[in-house]
Protein backbone atom coordinates (compact mmCIF):
# COMPACT_ATOMS: atom_id res chain seq x y z
CA MET A 1 21.97 -85.47 -73.17
CA LYS A 2 23.57 -87.36 -70.29
CA THR A 3 22.58 -86.81 -66.71
CA ILE A 4 25.08 -86.71 -63.91
CA GLN A 5 25.76 -90.02 -62.18
CA VAL A 6 25.85 -90.41 -58.42
CA TYR A 7 28.66 -92.69 -57.23
CA LYS A 8 28.00 -93.64 -53.64
CA GLU A 9 30.72 -95.05 -51.46
CA GLU A 10 31.58 -94.96 -47.79
CA ILE A 11 33.25 -91.64 -46.99
CA ASP A 12 34.45 -90.05 -43.76
CA LEU A 13 32.72 -86.68 -43.50
CA GLU A 14 35.10 -85.48 -40.79
CA VAL A 15 38.17 -86.08 -42.97
CA ILE A 16 36.56 -84.40 -45.99
CA LEU A 17 35.42 -81.40 -43.96
CA LEU A 18 38.80 -80.84 -42.29
CA GLN A 19 40.63 -81.16 -45.63
CA ILE A 20 38.29 -78.66 -47.29
CA VAL A 21 38.74 -76.16 -44.47
CA ARG A 22 42.51 -76.58 -44.19
CA TYR A 23 43.50 -76.84 -47.83
CA GLU A 24 40.80 -74.93 -49.67
CA HIS A 25 39.58 -72.11 -47.42
CA GLN A 26 41.83 -71.42 -44.42
CA ALA A 27 44.24 -69.11 -46.29
CA GLN A 28 41.41 -67.19 -47.94
CA ALA A 29 39.69 -66.62 -44.59
CA GLU A 30 42.94 -65.57 -42.92
CA SER A 31 43.73 -63.13 -45.74
CA LYS A 32 40.46 -61.35 -44.92
CA GLY A 33 41.14 -61.43 -41.18
CA LEU A 34 38.29 -63.90 -40.56
CA GLU A 35 38.19 -66.71 -38.02
CA LEU A 36 37.42 -70.08 -39.59
CA ASN A 37 36.52 -72.61 -36.90
CA SER A 38 35.93 -76.34 -37.33
CA ASN A 39 34.00 -78.06 -34.55
CA ILE A 40 33.69 -81.85 -34.55
CA GLU A 41 31.00 -82.81 -32.04
CA SER A 42 30.29 -86.38 -33.07
CA GLN A 43 32.10 -89.68 -33.46
CA ASN A 44 31.85 -92.10 -36.39
CA ASN A 45 31.07 -89.62 -39.15
CA SER A 46 31.05 -92.11 -41.98
CA LEU A 47 28.47 -91.64 -44.68
CA TYR A 48 27.44 -93.56 -47.78
CA SER A 49 27.38 -90.82 -50.43
CA ASP A 50 29.04 -89.30 -53.48
CA GLU A 51 32.37 -87.81 -52.30
CA TYR A 52 32.66 -85.38 -55.22
CA MET A 53 29.19 -83.92 -54.68
CA VAL A 54 29.64 -83.63 -50.92
CA THR A 55 32.98 -81.89 -51.46
CA GLN A 56 31.56 -79.50 -54.05
CA LEU A 57 28.54 -78.48 -52.01
CA LEU A 58 30.69 -77.83 -48.93
CA ASN A 59 33.23 -75.87 -51.02
CA ASN A 60 30.47 -73.70 -52.49
CA LEU A 61 28.90 -72.97 -49.11
CA LEU A 62 32.22 -72.15 -47.45
CA SER A 63 33.36 -70.04 -50.38
CA ASN A 64 30.17 -67.98 -50.19
CA SER A 65 30.44 -67.60 -46.43
CA ILE A 66 33.96 -66.23 -46.79
CA LYS A 67 33.04 -64.05 -49.79
CA TYR A 68 30.10 -62.39 -48.03
CA THR A 69 31.68 -62.01 -44.58
CA LYS A 70 33.62 -58.78 -44.15
CA VAL A 71 34.50 -59.17 -40.46
CA GLY A 72 33.97 -61.83 -37.85
CA LYS A 73 33.93 -65.56 -38.24
CA ILE A 74 32.64 -68.67 -39.88
CA ASP A 75 31.89 -71.70 -37.72
CA ILE A 76 31.58 -75.14 -39.30
CA THR A 77 30.13 -77.79 -37.01
CA LEU A 78 29.86 -81.51 -37.69
CA SER A 79 27.38 -83.22 -35.40
CA LYS A 80 24.47 -85.66 -35.55
CA SER A 81 20.83 -84.91 -36.28
CA SER A 82 18.01 -86.20 -34.08
CA GLN A 83 17.89 -89.21 -36.45
CA ASP A 84 21.59 -89.89 -35.64
CA ARG A 85 22.64 -88.91 -39.17
CA PRO A 86 25.58 -86.59 -39.95
CA ARG A 87 24.76 -82.88 -39.91
CA ILE A 88 26.96 -79.97 -40.95
CA VAL A 89 26.12 -76.43 -39.90
CA ILE A 90 27.94 -73.48 -41.48
CA GLU A 91 27.29 -70.23 -39.62
CA ASP A 92 28.79 -66.88 -40.59
CA THR A 93 28.68 -63.27 -39.44
CA GLY A 94 28.37 -62.02 -43.02
CA ILE A 95 26.06 -59.59 -44.75
CA GLY A 96 23.09 -61.96 -44.62
CA MET A 97 20.09 -62.08 -46.92
CA SER A 98 16.57 -60.73 -46.91
CA LYS A 99 13.68 -63.13 -46.34
CA GLU A 100 12.44 -62.33 -49.85
CA PHE A 101 15.75 -63.28 -51.44
CA ILE A 102 16.03 -66.60 -49.58
CA GLU A 103 13.05 -67.79 -51.66
CA GLU A 104 15.08 -67.04 -54.85
CA LEU A 105 18.47 -68.16 -53.51
CA PHE A 106 18.64 -71.53 -55.23
CA LYS A 107 17.56 -70.36 -58.68
CA PRO A 108 20.33 -70.11 -61.30
CA PHE A 109 21.82 -66.66 -61.94
CA LYS A 110 20.00 -65.07 -59.00
CA ARG A 111 21.82 -62.57 -56.83
CA GLU A 112 20.41 -60.19 -54.28
CA ASP A 113 20.47 -56.53 -55.34
CA GLN A 114 22.76 -55.58 -52.46
CA VAL A 115 25.53 -57.90 -53.68
CA TYR A 116 25.12 -57.40 -57.42
CA THR A 117 28.26 -55.36 -57.79
CA LYS A 118 31.80 -56.00 -58.90
CA LYS A 119 32.68 -56.07 -55.21
CA TYR A 120 31.25 -59.61 -55.02
CA GLU A 121 32.25 -61.70 -58.00
CA GLY A 122 30.32 -64.73 -59.17
CA THR A 123 27.68 -65.89 -61.58
CA GLY A 124 24.87 -66.81 -59.22
CA LEU A 125 25.22 -70.52 -60.01
CA GLY A 126 26.91 -71.77 -56.82
CA MET A 127 23.76 -72.05 -54.74
CA ALA A 128 21.79 -73.67 -57.57
CA LEU A 129 24.55 -76.30 -57.73
CA VAL A 130 24.47 -76.77 -53.95
CA LYS A 131 20.73 -77.43 -54.07
CA SER A 132 21.12 -79.85 -56.98
CA TYR A 133 23.93 -81.76 -55.26
CA CYS A 134 21.84 -82.06 -52.09
CA GLU A 135 18.87 -83.38 -54.06
CA LEU A 136 21.05 -85.89 -55.94
CA ILE A 137 22.60 -87.33 -52.76
CA GLY A 138 19.43 -87.14 -50.66
CA ALA A 139 20.66 -84.46 -48.25
CA LYS A 140 18.31 -81.90 -46.74
CA LEU A 141 19.42 -78.25 -46.90
CA ASN A 142 18.05 -75.50 -44.70
CA VAL A 143 18.98 -71.80 -44.62
CA LYS A 144 18.34 -69.08 -42.06
CA SER A 145 19.57 -65.56 -42.60
CA GLU A 146 19.08 -61.99 -41.54
CA LEU A 147 20.42 -58.88 -43.25
CA ASP A 148 23.60 -57.57 -41.59
CA LYS A 149 23.59 -60.44 -39.08
CA GLY A 150 24.77 -63.48 -41.03
CA THR A 151 23.62 -66.79 -42.43
CA ILE A 152 23.28 -70.35 -41.17
CA PHE A 153 23.23 -73.30 -43.58
CA THR A 154 22.32 -76.72 -42.21
CA ILE A 155 22.89 -79.88 -44.22
CA ASP A 156 21.36 -83.11 -42.94
CA PHE A 157 22.83 -86.13 -44.73
């Protein structure tokens, strides 16, 4: 069995983020009446990483934010961490998650009881992939959430 290969190259995180928002998720957010805001707070957002994995993890996180947000907004902010490394924060006003479920969030095929309906499609693999991509590229992922208040994902590259 082959394992996935990481192909690191210099990428511009700002360009990737804006393309993902504009071409992959803007129409979906607008069709639900959601605000999708991109905030670029830092200069020189180049990163030595695997472009495919970065793109996939951001797509999965944004897709989930849109899927689980009924009203309100999703803010995506690109800034720098205290170590002067790129940081992306995705904050939504969605349905949120219980503290108990956050511990299970990154396990394959796990979905919280409140969303395990046909209303929210999916297999429960997206977040397991996000975690795996972060581990493979050496990014640190943090999640904060509260039921009925929303979720904040922070990725430190």
